[in-house]
Amino acid sequence: MRIEPPPAEVVDSIVHTALAEDRALEDITTQATINPQLNAFARLVAKQEGIVCGLDIAGEVFAALNSKIIYETHSPEGTAVTPDMLVAVATGPAQPLLAGERTALNLVQHLSGIATLTRLYVDLVAGTNCVILDTRKTTPGLRDLEKYAVRCGGGTNHRRDLVQMAMIKDNHRKAIGQQADTLVEAVTTIRQRAPGIPVEIEVDSLDELGAAIAAKPEWILLDNMTIEQMRNAVGLVEGRVKLEASGGITLELVAEIASTGVDAISSGALTHSAPALDISLDIVFEDSVS
């Protein structure tokens, strides 16, 4: 199944911002020491097991630096790789290959790390009806790429931003109570202002669950609840609203949480704590310059 890539304009903006940050077009070392006529062959090679993501974006890095570079991926986005597996190649002028090496690797390693961690979570809930969701805990400016990496890992994107979905969190509930409003009134107001936008209410205890159910949101988020509390919440809701478990989610607990019957488990760790996947870029230079 094809994984929907990030919008082309988003990728283009991020790539150009990253290259500008590195001042790749002014690379002192490369421009001073490398003959502009020298060509090279670059190999992107996986150094550990994982799920690869961002190879196409690395290609955009090199394309932005020089249109003469020929770039080809050897592993489709979202596929498993093993140590020493060739995942992509780039052929062309040596100067832009050297100038773009770090930017390309930073993006591929980071996104592949997110995809790899996501796949670990997804595999642990296999056989249940529970899905793994990401959050808005993303690197500023990289949200669309990081959520793409979650998709490559088999996860599901939750709300992208503050408009795509309405979420009444703990601080919203406090403010609503301070205003002497109810959750029913709050949800009604949201639906009047933004028809068709799904609503989620966060609750911290089973005591708060009744009022949340009465407001009839599409989702209720169970925040930092115990396994027993989650099971009880599933029983109380009886399928009237989807339940999301969040807070304190770990690889050690995720399978047991899924077994409670919740519909989804969200984890900010997918994007803010995933270690980079080790991928190298090896360059071989031509024997002579014409």
C-alpha atoms as a PDB file:
ATOM      1  CA  MET A   1       0.000   0.000   0.000  1.00  0.00           C
ATOM      2  CA  ARG A   2       1.332   3.425  -0.971  1.00  0.00           C
ATOM      3  CA  ILE A   3       2.089   5.693   1.966  1.00  0.00           C
ATOM      4  CA  GLU A   4       0.889   9.234   1.348  1.00  0.00           C
ATOM      5  CA  PRO A   5       3.980  11.484   1.224  1.00  0.00           C
ATOM      6  CA  PRO A   6       4.180  14.945   2.773  1.00  0.00           C
ATOM      7  CA  PRO A   7       3.020  17.828   0.557  1.00  0.00           C
ATOM      8  CA  ALA A   8       5.681  18.682  -2.042  1.00  0.00           C
ATOM      9  CA  GLU A   9       5.682  22.345  -1.039  1.00  0.00           C
ATOM     10  CA  VAL A  10       6.339  21.381   2.581  1.00  0.00           C
ATOM     11  CA  VAL A  11       9.265  19.156   1.645  1.00  0.00           C
ATOM     12  CA  ASP A  12      10.686  21.859  -0.616  1.00  0.00           C
ATOM     13  CA  SER A  13      10.469  24.475   2.135  1.00  0.00           C
ATOM     14  CA  ILE A  14      12.095  22.240   4.756  1.00  0.00           C
ATOM     15  CA  VAL A  15      14.872  21.133   2.410  1.00  0.00           C
ATOM     16  CA  HIS A  16      15.750  24.692   1.428  1.00  0.00           C
ATOM     17  CA  THR A  17      15.606  25.859   5.051  1.00  0.00           C
ATOM     18  CA  ALA A  18      17.918  23.036   6.133  1.00  0.00           C
ATOM     19  CA  LEU A  19      20.385  23.716   3.329  1.00  0.00           C
ATOM     20  CA  ALA A  20      20.361  27.432   4.111  1.00  0.00           C
ATOM     21  CA  GLU A  21      20.950  26.675   7.792  1.00  0.00           C
ATOM     22  CA  ASP A  22      24.051  24.658   6.820  1.00  0.00           C
ATOM     23  CA  ARG A  23      25.066  27.267   4.201  1.00  0.00           C
ATOM     24  CA  ALA A  24      25.555  24.349   1.846  1.00  0.00           C
ATOM     25  CA  LEU A  25      25.969  26.551  -1.208  1.00  0.00           C
ATOM     26  CA  GLU A  26      28.952  28.231   0.485  1.00  0.00           C
ATOM     27  CA  ASP A  27      30.741  25.072   1.658  1.00  0.00           C
ATOM     28  CA  ILE A  28      34.261  26.446   2.156  1.00  0.00           C
ATOM     29  CA  THR A  29      36.054  23.107   2.421  1.00  0.00           C
ATOM     30  CA  THR A  30      34.431  21.540  -0.622  1.00  0.00           C
ATOM     31  CA  GLN A  31      34.672  24.592  -2.858  1.00  0.00           C
ATOM     32  CA  ALA A  32      38.324  25.170  -1.951  1.00  0.00           C
ATOM     33  CA  THR A  33      39.535  21.609  -2.375  1.00  0.00           C
ATOM     34  CA  ILE A  34      37.256  19.770  -4.819  1.00  0.00           C
ATOM     35  CA  ASN A  35      37.468  20.284  -8.558  1.00  0.00           C
ATOM     36  CA  PRO A  36      34.010  21.261  -9.908  1.00  0.00           C
ATOM     37  CA  GLN A  37      34.497  18.734 -12.722  1.00  0.00           C
ATOM     38  CA  LEU A  38      35.029  15.791 -10.360  1.00  0.00           C
ATOM     39  CA  ASN A  39      32.146  13.309 -10.339  1.00  0.00           C
ATOM     40  CA  ALA A  40      31.283  10.828  -7.618  1.00  0.00           C
ATOM     41  CA  PHE A  41      29.018   7.944  -6.683  1.00  0.00           C
ATOM     42  CA  ALA A  42      27.338   8.099  -3.265  1.00  0.00           C
ATOM     43  CA  ARG A  43      25.802   5.087  -1.506  1.00  0.00           C
ATOM     44  CA  LEU A  44      23.317   5.365   1.371  1.00  0.00           C
ATOM     45  CA  VAL A  45      23.704   2.211   3.435  1.00  0.00           C
ATOM     46  CA  ALA A  46      21.727   1.051   6.476  1.00  0.00           C
ATOM     47  CA  LYS A  47      23.989   0.166   9.402  1.00  0.00           C
ATOM     48  CA  GLN A  48      21.317  -1.351  11.647  1.00  0.00           C
ATOM     49  CA  GLU A  49      17.913  -2.990  11.444  1.00  0.00           C
ATOM     50  CA  GLY A  50      14.943  -0.656  11.181  1.00  0.00           C
ATOM     51  CA  ILE A  51      12.290   0.928   9.019  1.00  0.00           C
ATOM     52  CA  VAL A  52      13.558   3.307   6.386  1.00  0.00           C
ATOM     53  CA  CYS A  53      11.902   6.672   5.785  1.00  0.00           C
ATOM     54  CA  GLY A  54      12.947   9.912   4.142  1.00  0.00           C
ATOM     55  CA  LEU A  55      14.920   8.528   1.217  1.00  0.00           C
ATOM     56  CA  ASP A  56      12.832  10.481  -1.264  1.00  0.00           C
ATOM     57  CA  ILE A  57      13.390  13.610   0.808  1.00  0.00           C
ATOM     58  CA  ALA A  58      17.149  13.032   0.721  1.00  0.00           C
ATOM     59  CA  GLY A  59      16.828  12.956  -3.043  1.00  0.00           C
ATOM     60  CA  GLU A  60      15.205  16.382  -2.923  1.00  0.00           C
ATOM     61  CA  VAL A  61      18.199  17.669  -0.955  1.00  0.00           C
ATOM     62  CA  PHE A  62      20.600  16.707  -3.726  1.00  0.00           C
ATOM     63  CA  ALA A  63      18.215  17.901  -6.445  1.00  0.00           C
ATOM     64  CA  ALA A  64      18.044  21.319  -4.781  1.00  0.00           C
ATOM     65  CA  LEU A  65      21.831  21.571  -4.922  1.00  0.00           C
ATOM     66  CA  ASN A  66      22.426  20.342  -8.462  1.00  0.00           C
ATOM     67  CA  SER A  67      20.022  19.161 -11.155  1.00  0.00           C
ATOM     68  CA  LYS A  68      22.708  16.956 -12.691  1.00  0.00           C
ATOM     69  CA  ILE A  69      22.670  14.531  -9.771  1.00  0.00           C
ATOM     70  CA  ILE A  70      20.941  11.253 -10.595  1.00  0.00           C
ATOM     71  CA  TYR A  71      19.282   9.797  -7.491  1.00  0.00           C
ATOM     72  CA  GLU A  72      17.672   6.381  -7.105  1.00  0.00           C
ATOM     73  CA  THR A  73      16.139   4.670  -4.078  1.00  0.00           C
ATOM     74  CA  HIS A  74      16.596   0.938  -3.581  1.00  0.00           C
ATOM     75  CA  SER A  75      14.211   0.485  -0.637  1.00  0.00           C
ATOM     76  CA  PRO A  76      10.604   1.721  -0.710  1.00  0.00           C
ATOM     77  CA  GLU A  77       9.594   4.057   2.107  1.00  0.00           C
ATOM     78  CA  GLY A  78       8.338   2.169   5.145  1.00  0.00           C
ATOM     79  CA  THR A  79      10.179  -1.092   4.440  1.00  0.00           C
ATOM     80  CA  ALA A  80      12.441  -3.012   6.779  1.00  0.00           C
ATOM     81  CA  VAL A  81      16.198  -2.755   6.276  1.00  0.00           C
ATOM     82  CA  THR A  82      19.099  -4.751   7.673  1.00  0.00           C
ATOM     83  CA  PRO A  83      22.747  -3.879   8.308  1.00  0.00           C
ATOM     84  CA  ASP A  84      24.815  -3.213   5.172  1.00  0.00           C
ATOM     85  CA  MET A  85      21.720  -2.942   2.958  1.00  0.00           C
ATOM     86  CA  LEU A  86      22.022  -0.439   0.130  1.00  0.00           C
ATOM     87  CA  VAL A  87      19.001   1.861   0.328  1.00  0.00           C
ATOM     88  CA  ALA A  88      19.770   4.613  -2.202  1.00  0.00           C
ATOM     89  CA  VAL A  89      22.429   5.869  -4.601  1.00  0.00           C
ATOM     90  CA  ALA A  90      23.297   9.291  -5.983  1.00  0.00           C
ATOM     91  CA  THR A  91      25.605   9.954  -8.919  1.00  0.00           C
ATOM     92  CA  GLY A  92      26.850  13.307 -10.150  1.00  0.00           C
ATOM     93  CA  PRO A  93      29.171  16.227  -9.401  1.00  0.00           C
ATOM     94  CA  ALA A  94      31.151  15.641  -6.225  1.00  0.00           C
ATOM     95  CA  GLN A  95      30.817  19.180  -4.864  1.00  0.00           C
ATOM     96  CA  PRO A  96      27.016  19.162  -4.267  1.00  0.00           C
ATOM     97  CA  LEU A  97      27.114  15.555  -3.072  1.00  0.00           C
ATOM     98  CA  LEU A  98      29.583  16.551  -0.367  1.00  0.00           C
ATOM     99  CA  ALA A  99      27.740  19.776   0.467  1.00  0.00           C
ATOM    100  CA  GLY A 100      24.414  18.011   0.894  1.00  0.00           C
ATOM    101  CA  GLU A 101      25.648  14.888   2.647  1.00  0.00           C
ATOM    102  CA  ARG A 102      24.916  15.959   6.228  1.00  0.00           C
ATOM    103  CA  THR A 103      21.523  17.523   5.505  1.00  0.00           C
ATOM    104  CA  ALA A 104      20.371  14.416   3.632  1.00  0.00           C
ATOM    105  CA  LEU A 105      21.578  12.097   6.374  1.00  0.00           C
ATOM    106  CA  ASN A 106      20.091  14.200   9.181  1.00  0.00           C
ATOM    107  CA  LEU A 107      16.651  13.917   7.610  1.00  0.00           C
ATOM    108  CA  VAL A 108      16.856  10.228   6.671  1.00  0.00           C
ATOM    109  CA  GLN A 109      18.286   9.115  10.013  1.00  0.00           C
ATOM    110  CA  HIS A 110      15.767  11.124  12.036  1.00  0.00           C
ATOM    111  CA  LEU A 111      12.713  10.055  10.045  1.00  0.00           C
ATOM    112  CA  SER A 112      13.841   6.429   9.878  1.00  0.00           C
ATOM    113  CA  GLY A 113      14.271   6.471  13.649  1.00  0.00           C
ATOM    114  CA  ILE A 114      10.673   7.604  14.104  1.00  0.00           C
ATOM    115  CA  ALA A 115       9.404   4.986  11.652  1.00  0.00           C
ATOM    116  CA  THR A 116      11.413   2.289  13.415  1.00  0.00           C
ATOM    117  CA  LEU A 117      10.144   3.138  16.897  1.00  0.00           C
ATOM    118  CA  THR A 118       6.580   3.404  15.609  1.00  0.00           C
ATOM    119  CA  ARG A 119       6.801  -0.056  14.052  1.00  0.00           C
ATOM    120  CA  LEU A 120       7.879  -1.500  17.408  1.00  0.00           C
ATOM    121  CA  TYR A 121       4.725  -0.118  19.027  1.00  0.00           C
ATOM    122  CA  VAL A 122       2.514  -1.215  16.133  1.00  0.00           C
ATOM    123  CA  ASP A 123       3.860  -4.772  16.197  1.00  0.00           C
ATOM    124  CA  LEU A 124       3.160  -5.057  19.921  1.00  0.00           C
ATOM    125  CA  VAL A 125      -0.563  -4.306  19.469  1.00  0.00           C
ATOM    126  CA  ALA A 126      -0.966  -6.565  16.436  1.00  0.00           C
ATOM    127  CA  GLY A 127      -4.028  -8.795  16.700  1.00  0.00           C
ATOM    128  CA  THR A 128      -6.064  -6.170  18.541  1.00  0.00           C
ATOM    129  CA  ASN A 129      -8.326  -3.442  17.184  1.00  0.00           C
ATOM    130  CA  CYS A 130      -6.154  -0.795  18.804  1.00  0.00           C
ATOM    131  CA  VAL A 131      -4.185   1.679  16.664  1.00  0.00           C
ATOM    132  CA  ILE A 132      -1.037   3.606  17.559  1.00  0.00           C
ATOM    133  CA  LEU A 133      -1.425   7.383  17.313  1.00  0.00           C
ATOM    134  CA  ASP A 134       1.130  10.157  17.236  1.00  0.00           C
ATOM    135  CA  THR A 135       0.717  13.547  18.927  1.00  0.00           C
ATOM    136  CA  ARG A 136       1.596  17.219  18.365  1.00  0.00           C
ATOM    137  CA  LYS A 137       4.845  16.728  20.312  1.00  0.00           C
ATOM    138  CA  THR A 138       6.921  17.225  17.197  1.00  0.00           C
ATOM    139  CA  THR A 139      10.031  19.172  16.255  1.00  0.00           C
ATOM    140  CA  PRO A 140       8.965  22.722  15.311  1.00  0.00           C
ATOM    141  CA  GLY A 141       8.918  23.018  11.540  1.00  0.00           C
ATOM    142  CA  LEU A 142       9.182  19.267  10.931  1.00  0.00           C
ATOM    143  CA  ARG A 143       5.681  18.138  11.914  1.00  0.00           C
ATOM    144  CA  ASP A 144       4.545  17.017   8.468  1.00  0.00           C
ATOM    145  CA  LEU A 145       7.731  15.030   7.909  1.00  0.00           C
ATOM    146  CA  GLU A 146       7.604  13.419  11.345  1.00  0.00           C
ATOM    147  CA  LYS A 147       3.954  12.468  10.974  1.00  0.00           C
ATOM    148  CA  TYR A 148       4.852  11.000   7.579  1.00  0.00           C
ATOM    149  CA  ALA A 149       7.505   8.902   9.335  1.00  0.00           C
ATOM    150  CA  VAL A 150       4.851   7.646  11.763  1.00  0.00           C
ATOM    151  CA  ARG A 151       2.755   6.533   8.780  1.00  0.00           C
ATOM    152  CA  CYS A 152       5.800   4.781   7.330  1.00  0.00           C
ATOM    153  CA  GLY A 153       6.103   2.897  10.606  1.00  0.00           C
ATOM    154  CA  GLY A 154       2.496   1.734  10.436  1.00  0.00           C
ATOM    155  CA  GLY A 155       1.117   4.240  12.919  1.00  0.00           C
ATOM    156  CA  THR A 156      -1.863   6.542  12.512  1.00  0.00           C
ATOM    157  CA  ASN A 157      -1.751  10.322  12.558  1.00  0.00           C
ATOM    158  CA  HIS A 158      -3.830  12.017  15.236  1.00  0.00           C
ATOM    159  CA  ARG A 159      -4.749  15.683  14.907  1.00  0.00           C
ATOM    160  CA  ARG A 160      -2.171  17.619  12.919  1.00  0.00           C
ATOM    161  CA  ASP A 161      -2.919  21.009  14.443  1.00  0.00           C
ATOM    162  CA  LEU A 162      -5.304  23.021  16.608  1.00  0.00           C
ATOM    163  CA  VAL A 163      -7.911  23.288  13.853  1.00  0.00           C
ATOM    164  CA  GLN A 164      -8.121  19.752  12.509  1.00  0.00           C
ATOM    165  CA  MET A 165      -9.680  18.491  15.748  1.00  0.00           C
ATOM    166  CA  ALA A 166     -11.029  20.119  18.913  1.00  0.00           C
ATOM    167  CA  MET A 167      -9.552  18.722  22.127  1.00  0.00           C
ATOM    168  CA  ILE A 168     -10.785  19.814  25.542  1.00  0.00           C
ATOM    169  CA  LYS A 169      -7.776  19.129  27.768  1.00  0.00           C
ATOM    170  CA  ASP A 170      -7.379  19.527  31.529  1.00  0.00           C
ATOM    171  CA  ASN A 171      -6.665  23.268  31.429  1.00  0.00           C
ATOM    172  CA  HIS A 172      -9.633  23.825  29.122  1.00  0.00           C
ATOM    173  CA  ARG A 173     -11.839  21.926  31.606  1.00  0.00           C
ATOM    174  CA  LYS A 174     -10.622  24.113  34.457  1.00  0.00           C
ATOM    175  CA  ALA A 175     -11.376  27.267  32.498  1.00  0.00           C
ATOM    176  CA  ILE A 176     -14.790  25.947  31.447  1.00  0.00           C
ATOM    177  CA  GLY A 177     -15.618  25.221  35.089  1.00  0.00           C
ATOM    178  CA  GLN A 178     -14.376  28.647  36.159  1.00  0.00           C
ATOM    179  CA  GLN A 179     -16.813  30.152  33.663  1.00  0.00           C
ATOM    180  CA  ALA A 180     -19.620  28.045  35.185  1.00  0.00           C
ATOM    181  CA  ASP A 181     -20.108  26.273  31.854  1.00  0.00           C
ATOM    182  CA  THR A 182     -20.577  22.537  31.342  1.00  0.00           C
ATOM    183  CA  LEU A 183     -18.837  20.145  28.963  1.00  0.00           C
ATOM    184  CA  VAL A 184     -22.140  19.726  27.132  1.00  0.00           C
ATOM    185  CA  GLU A 185     -22.268  23.481  26.533  1.00  0.00           C
ATOM    186  CA  ALA A 186     -18.610  23.544  25.493  1.00  0.00           C
ATOM    187  CA  VAL A 187     -19.022  20.755  22.947  1.00  0.00           C
ATOM    188  CA  THR A 188     -22.197  22.359  21.612  1.00  0.00           C
ATOM    189  CA  THR A 189     -20.379  25.663  21.111  1.00  0.00           C
ATOM    190  CA  ILE A 190     -17.502  23.944  19.300  1.00  0.00           C
ATOM    191  CA  ARG A 191     -19.900  22.208  16.931  1.00  0.00           C
ATOM    192  CA  GLN A 192     -21.717  25.436  16.218  1.00  0.00           C
ATOM    193  CA  ARG A 193     -18.468  27.217  15.430  1.00  0.00           C
ATOM    194  CA  ALA A 194     -16.764  24.354  13.556  1.00  0.00           C
ATOM    195  CA  PRO A 195     -19.355  21.947  12.114  1.00  0.00           C
ATOM    196  CA  GLY A 196     -17.935  18.564  11.175  1.00  0.00           C
ATOM    197  CA  ILE A 197     -14.806  18.902  13.296  1.00  0.00           C
ATOM    198  CA  PRO A 198     -14.392  15.922  15.681  1.00  0.00           C
ATOM    199  CA  VAL A 199     -14.240  16.651  19.403  1.00  0.00           C
ATOM    200  CA  GLU A 200     -12.169  14.888  22.070  1.00  0.00           C
ATOM    201  CA  ILE A 201     -12.360  15.360  25.849  1.00  0.00           C
ATOM    202  CA  GLU A 202      -9.482  14.484  28.157  1.00  0.00           C
ATOM    203  CA  VAL A 203     -10.275  12.959  31.556  1.00  0.00           C
ATOM    204  CA  ASP A 204      -7.903  12.140  34.381  1.00  0.00           C
ATOM    205  CA  SER A 205     -10.169   9.875  36.432  1.00  0.00           C
ATOM    206  CA  LEU A 206     -13.229   7.666  36.178  1.00  0.00           C
ATOM    207  CA  ASP A 207     -15.136  10.273  38.201  1.00  0.00           C
ATOM    208  CA  GLU A 208     -14.830  12.663  35.249  1.00  0.00           C
ATOM    209  CA  LEU A 209     -15.909  10.081  32.695  1.00  0.00           C
ATOM    210  CA  GLY A 210     -19.675  10.476  33.139  1.00  0.00           C
ATOM    211  CA  ALA A 211     -19.694  14.185  32.314  1.00  0.00           C
ATOM    212  CA  ALA A 212     -17.474  13.544  29.291  1.00  0.00           C
ATOM    213  CA  ILE A 213     -19.793  10.819  27.966  1.00  0.00           C
ATOM    214  CA  ALA A 214     -22.799  13.083  28.440  1.00  0.00           C
ATOM    215  CA  ALA A 215     -21.177  15.723  26.216  1.00  0.00           C
ATOM    216  CA  LYS A 216     -21.143  13.172  23.359  1.00  0.00           C
ATOM    217  CA  PRO A 217     -17.719  13.820  21.863  1.00  0.00           C
ATOM    218  CA  GLU A 218     -16.264  11.563  19.193  1.00  0.00           C
ATOM    219  CA  TRP A 219     -13.310  10.675  21.444  1.00  0.00           C
ATOM    220  CA  ILE A 220     -12.443  10.574  25.132  1.00  0.00           C
ATOM    221  CA  LEU A 221      -8.789  10.592  26.149  1.00  0.00           C
ATOM    222  CA  LEU A 222      -7.908   8.566  29.245  1.00  0.00           C
ATOM    223  CA  ASP A 223      -4.891  10.382  30.650  1.00  0.00           C
ATOM    224  CA  ASN A 224      -2.378   8.522  32.825  1.00  0.00           C
ATOM    225  CA  MET A 225      -4.887   5.915  33.979  1.00  0.00           C
ATOM    226  CA  THR A 226      -4.014   2.489  35.336  1.00  0.00           C
ATOM    227  CA  ILE A 227      -4.746  -0.682  33.389  1.00  0.00           C
ATOM    228  CA  GLU A 228      -7.661  -1.411  35.720  1.00  0.00           C
ATOM    229  CA  GLN A 229      -9.084   2.094  35.258  1.00  0.00           C
ATOM    230  CA  MET A 230      -8.854   1.719  31.482  1.00  0.00           C
ATOM    231  CA  ARG A 231     -10.731  -1.579  31.577  1.00  0.00           C
ATOM    232  CA  ASN A 232     -13.422   0.000  33.735  1.00  0.00           C
ATOM    233  CA  ALA A 233     -13.664   2.955  31.347  1.00  0.00           C
ATOM    234  CA  VAL A 234     -14.151   0.627  28.390  1.00  0.00           C
ATOM    235  CA  GLY A 235     -16.970  -1.086  30.272  1.00  0.00           C
ATOM    236  CA  LEU A 236     -18.636   2.191  31.227  1.00  0.00           C
ATOM    237  CA  VAL A 237     -18.457   3.667  27.730  1.00  0.00           C
ATOM    238  CA  GLU A 238     -19.896   0.532  26.080  1.00  0.00           C
ATOM    239  CA  GLY A 239     -18.749   1.623  22.641  1.00  0.00           C
ATOM    240  CA  ARG A 240     -20.661   4.920  22.655  1.00  0.00           C
ATOM    241  CA  VAL A 241     -17.461   6.888  22.073  1.00  0.00           C
ATOM    242  CA  LYS A 242     -13.933   5.981  21.033  1.00  0.00           C
ATOM    243  CA  LEU A 243     -11.348   5.798  23.789  1.00  0.00           C
ATOM    244  CA  GLU A 244      -7.723   6.890  23.538  1.00  0.00           C
ATOM    245  CA  ALA A 245      -5.139   5.948  26.173  1.00  0.00           C
ATOM    246  CA  SER A 246      -2.297   8.392  26.710  1.00  0.00           C
ATOM    247  CA  GLY A 247       0.355   9.256  29.265  1.00  0.00           C
ATOM    248  CA  GLY A 248       3.054   6.932  30.564  1.00  0.00           C
ATOM    249  CA  ILE A 249       2.947   4.782  27.435  1.00  0.00           C
ATOM    250  CA  THR A 250       5.975   2.485  27.119  1.00  0.00           C
ATOM    251  CA  LEU A 251       6.927  -0.465  24.944  1.00  0.00           C
ATOM    252  CA  GLU A 252       6.666  -2.656  28.038  1.00  0.00           C
ATOM    253  CA  LEU A 253       3.050  -1.637  28.719  1.00  0.00           C
ATOM    254  CA  VAL A 254       1.568  -1.029  25.290  1.00  0.00           C
ATOM    255  CA  ALA A 255       0.366  -4.603  24.645  1.00  0.00           C
ATOM    256  CA  GLU A 256      -1.398  -4.777  28.025  1.00  0.00           C
ATOM    257  CA  ILE A 257      -2.992  -1.375  27.433  1.00  0.00           C
ATOM    258  CA  ALA A 258      -4.274  -2.520  24.044  1.00  0.00           C
ATOM    259  CA  SER A 259      -5.805  -5.588  25.691  1.00  0.00           C
ATOM    260  CA  THR A 260      -8.101  -3.375  27.784  1.00  0.00           C
ATOM    261  CA  GLY A 261     -10.198  -2.673  24.707  1.00  0.00           C
ATOM    262  CA  VAL A 262      -9.266   0.970  24.132  1.00  0.00           C
ATOM    263  CA  ASP A 263      -9.485   2.056  20.509  1.00  0.00           C
ATOM    264  CA  ALA A 264      -6.175   3.862  20.334  1.00  0.00           C
ATOM    265  CA  ILE A 265      -2.941   4.504  22.201  1.00  0.00           C
ATOM    266  CA  SER A 266      -1.093   7.779  21.640  1.00  0.00           C
ATOM    267  CA  SER A 267       2.521   8.452  22.452  1.00  0.00           C
ATOM    268  CA  GLY A 268       4.558  11.620  22.065  1.00  0.00           C
ATOM    269  CA  ALA A 269       7.696   9.490  22.305  1.00  0.00           C
ATOM    270  CA  LEU A 270       7.201   8.371  18.712  1.00  0.00           C
ATOM    271  CA  THR A 271       8.325  11.780  17.496  1.00  0.00           C
ATOM    272  CA  HIS A 272      10.148  13.453  20.389  1.00  0.00           C
ATOM    273  CA  SER A 273      12.237  10.551  21.669  1.00  0.00           C
ATOM    274  CA  ALA A 274      12.951   8.230  18.749  1.00  0.00           C
ATOM    275  CA  PRO A 275      16.701   7.577  18.356  1.00  0.00           C
ATOM    276  CA  ALA A 276      18.105   8.170  14.877  1.00  0.00           C
ATOM    277  CA  LEU A 277      18.586   5.091  12.729  1.00  0.00           C
ATOM    278  CA  ASP A 278      22.226   4.568  11.787  1.00  0.00           C
ATOM    279  CA  ILE A 279      22.572   5.139   8.039  1.00  0.00           C
ATOM    280  CA  SER A 280      25.841   6.036   6.330  1.00  0.00           C
ATOM    281  CA  LEU A 281      26.636   7.848   3.106  1.00  0.00           C
ATOM    282  CA  ASP A 282      29.763   6.495   1.425  1.00  0.00           C
ATOM    283  CA  ILE A 283      31.216   8.381  -1.551  1.00  0.00           C
ATOM    284  CA  VAL A 284      33.456   6.941  -4.236  1.00  0.00           C
ATOM    285  CA  PHE A 285      35.209   9.420  -6.517  1.00  0.00           C
ATOM    286  CA  GLU A 286      36.144   9.057 -10.165  1.00  0.00           C
ATOM    287  CA  ASP A 287      39.761   8.188 -10.891  1.00  0.00           C
ATOM    288  CA  SER A 288      40.352  11.274 -12.979  1.00  0.00           C
ATOM    289  CA  VAL A 289      38.909  14.640 -13.893  1.00  0.00           C
ATOM    290  CA  SER A 290      38.306  15.442 -17.558  1.00  0.00           C
END
